[in-house]
């Protein structure tokens, strides 16, 4: 296969990767809408988990594409380096796509961090609610034990007969 064909496949691979990153960015925004300003009970966890699965599928595809890209690059890097003038336009296009991909990666990282903080806050609130409920149950249980013991007095049937 000619070097030009390999380079074209690499460009197509980077373009598809960029599109997948756009999809992940949209997924991050959907996740943000799903959890932002909501309590644990208000969040549609099925939708949230579906978005996570969609993101994972995109990530899996990107990993495979990266492996393929690297394999192609390893095949043509000597020719590219040896004849930079001949391939300068294609090299510039690859560089432009890599810059876009890097920028999108940074945007994804920022979105993931924002969503993680919101989820941490939601779960933190949920933990506090659970802790308050447990404490309330302990107090209620203690009160019930105290009341059922009639404040430590033992009224046996023999005491009543006397």
Protein backbone atom coordinates (compact mmCIF):
# COMPACT_ATOMS: atom_id res chain seq x y z
CA UNK A 1 0.00 0.00 0.00
CA UNK A 2 1.41 3.42 -0.89
CA UNK A 3 2.40 5.85 1.87
CA UNK A 4 -0.28 8.31 0.71
CA UNK A 5 -2.95 5.69 1.43
CA UNK A 6 -1.57 5.06 4.93
CA UNK A 7 -1.50 8.78 5.62
CA UNK A 8 -5.10 9.16 4.41
CA UNK A 9 -6.19 6.34 6.70
CA UNK A 10 -4.40 8.05 9.60
CA UNK A 11 -6.21 11.32 8.83
CA UNK A 12 -9.55 9.50 8.71
CA UNK A 13 -8.75 7.79 11.99
CA UNK A 14 -7.96 11.11 13.67
CA UNK A 15 -11.14 12.63 12.25
CA UNK A 16 -13.23 9.76 13.66
CA UNK A 17 -11.44 10.09 16.99
CA UNK A 18 -12.29 13.79 17.04
CA UNK A 19 -15.95 12.94 16.38
CA UNK A 20 -15.95 10.41 19.20
CA UNK A 21 -14.45 13.00 21.52
CA UNK A 22 -17.27 15.39 20.51
CA UNK A 23 -19.72 12.65 21.48
CA UNK A 24 -18.01 12.25 24.87
CA UNK A 25 -18.19 16.02 25.39
CA UNK A 26 -21.95 15.87 24.67
CA UNK A 27 -22.25 12.91 27.07
CA UNK A 28 -20.49 14.95 29.76
CA UNK A 29 -22.97 17.77 29.21
CA UNK A 30 -25.88 15.31 29.39
CA UNK A 31 -24.50 13.90 32.64
CA UNK A 32 -24.17 17.41 34.00
CA UNK A 33 -27.83 18.13 33.17
CA UNK A 34 -28.79 14.82 34.74
CA UNK A 35 -27.20 15.58 38.13
CA UNK A 36 -26.78 19.34 38.43
CA UNK A 37 -28.84 20.91 41.19
CA UNK A 38 -30.57 17.65 42.07
CA UNK A 39 -30.71 15.52 45.16
CA UNK A 40 -29.94 11.81 45.09
CA UNK A 41 -33.62 10.93 44.78
CA UNK A 42 -34.22 13.39 41.93
CA UNK A 43 -31.49 11.98 39.70
CA UNK A 44 -32.56 9.53 37.01
CA UNK A 45 -29.84 6.98 37.68
CA UNK A 46 -30.87 4.80 34.72
CA UNK A 47 -30.22 7.71 32.34
CA UNK A 48 -26.99 8.56 34.12
CA UNK A 49 -25.74 4.97 33.86
CA UNK A 50 -26.74 4.79 30.18
CA UNK A 51 -24.63 7.87 29.50
CA UNK A 52 -21.70 6.28 31.35
CA UNK A 53 -22.06 3.17 29.17
CA UNK A 54 -22.15 5.29 26.01
CA UNK A 55 -19.01 7.11 27.07
CA UNK A 56 -17.26 3.83 27.82
CA UNK A 57 -18.16 2.50 24.37
CA UNK A 58 -16.67 5.62 22.78
CA UNK A 59 -13.54 5.31 24.90
CA UNK A 60 -13.15 1.66 23.92
CA UNK A 61 -13.38 2.61 20.24
CA UNK A 62 -10.83 5.37 20.72
CA UNK A 63 -8.37 2.98 22.35
CA UNK A 64 -8.64 0.59 19.40
CA UNK A 65 -8.29 3.45 16.95
CA UNK A 66 -5.21 4.72 18.76
CA UNK A 67 -3.63 1.29 18.50
CA UNK A 68 -4.37 1.19 14.77
CA UNK A 69 -3.09 4.73 14.29
CA UNK A 70 0.15 3.91 16.04
CA UNK A 71 0.59 0.80 13.92
CA UNK A 72 0.11 2.83 10.74
CA UNK A 73 2.41 5.58 11.92
CA UNK A 74 5.13 3.05 12.73
CA UNK A 75 4.91 1.81 9.12
CA UNK A 76 5.28 5.24 7.52
CA UNK A 77 7.24 7.39 9.96
CA UNK A 78 10.56 6.86 8.17
CA UNK A 79 9.07 7.86 4.82
CA UNK A 80 7.38 10.89 6.41
CA UNK A 81 10.56 12.03 8.08
CA UNK A 82 12.62 11.31 4.97
CA UNK A 83 10.40 13.29 2.60
CA UNK A 84 8.73 15.98 4.73
CA UNK A 85 8.29 18.35 1.80
CA UNK A 86 6.29 15.84 -0.20
CA UNK A 87 3.90 15.16 2.68
CA UNK A 88 3.90 18.62 4.30
CA UNK A 89 0.21 19.29 3.60
CA UNK A 90 -0.86 15.97 5.04
CA UNK A 91 1.50 16.37 8.01
CA UNK A 92 -0.04 19.80 8.74
CA UNK A 93 -3.52 18.29 8.59
CA UNK A 94 -2.47 15.54 11.01
CA UNK A 95 -0.92 18.13 13.34
CA UNK A 96 -4.10 20.24 13.21
CA UNK A 97 -6.24 17.21 14.06
CA UNK A 98 -3.93 16.23 16.92
CA UNK A 99 -4.17 19.77 18.32
CA UNK A 100 -7.99 19.61 18.12
CA UNK A 101 -7.97 16.21 19.80
CA UNK A 102 -5.70 17.47 22.57
CA UNK A 103 -7.99 20.47 23.18
CA UNK A 104 -11.04 18.22 23.27
CA UNK A 105 -9.28 15.89 25.68
CA UNK A 106 -8.67 18.84 28.02
CA UNK A 107 -12.32 19.87 27.73
CA UNK A 108 -13.41 16.31 28.56
CA UNK A 109 -11.13 16.22 31.59
CA UNK A 110 -12.61 19.50 32.83
CA UNK A 111 -16.17 18.23 32.29
CA UNK A 112 -15.42 14.94 34.03
CA UNK A 113 -13.97 16.78 37.01
CA UNK A 114 -16.98 19.11 37.21
CA UNK A 115 -19.37 16.13 37.12
CA UNK A 116 -17.31 14.18 39.65
CA UNK A 117 -17.52 17.07 42.12
CA UNK A 118 -21.30 17.23 41.71
CA UNK A 119 -21.64 13.47 42.19
CA UNK A 120 -19.36 13.60 45.25
CA UNK A 121 -21.59 16.33 46.68
CA UNK A 122 -24.76 14.32 45.95
CA UNK A 123 -23.32 11.23 47.61
CA UNK A 124 -21.95 13.31 50.48
CA UNK A 125 -25.44 14.66 51.12
CA UNK A 126 -26.85 11.16 50.84
CA UNK A 127 -24.31 9.87 53.38
CA UNK A 128 -25.31 12.66 55.78
CA UNK A 129 -28.98 11.73 55.38
CA UNK A 130 -28.20 8.08 56.06
CA UNK A 131 -26.12 9.01 59.11
CA UNK A 132 -28.95 11.23 60.46
CA UNK A 133 -31.41 8.40 59.89
CA UNK A 134 -29.16 5.92 61.69
CA UNK A 135 -28.72 8.32 64.60
CA UNK A 136 -32.49 8.85 64.76
CA UNK A 137 -33.03 5.10 64.76
CA UNK A 138 -30.50 4.71 67.58
CA UNK A 139 -32.23 7.39 69.63
CA UNK A 140 -35.63 5.83 68.95
CA UNK A 141 -34.32 2.38 69.83
CA UNK A 142 -32.74 3.68 73.03
CA UNK A 143 -35.97 5.44 73.96
CA UNK A 144 -37.99 2.30 73.25
CA UNK A 145 -35.67 0.22 75.40
CA UNK A 146 -35.88 2.73 78.20
CA UNK A 147 -39.67 2.88 78.05
CA UNK A 148 -40.09 -0.87 77.78
CA UNK A 149 -37.93 -1.30 80.85
CA UNK A 150 -40.14 1.17 82.74
CA UNK A 151 -37.11 3.13 83.84
CA UNK A 152 -35.37 0.15 85.34
CA UNK A 153 -38.27 -0.98 87.51
CA UNK A 154 -39.09 -4.63 87.34
CA UNK A 155 -42.74 -5.38 87.69
CA UNK A 156 -43.01 -9.08 87.92
CA UNK A 157 -46.30 -10.87 88.39
CA UNK A 158 -45.30 -11.60 92.00
CA UNK A 159 -45.02 -7.89 92.81
CA UNK A 160 -48.52 -7.29 91.50
CA UNK A 161 -50.00 -10.00 93.74
CA UNK A 162 -48.55 -8.44 96.89
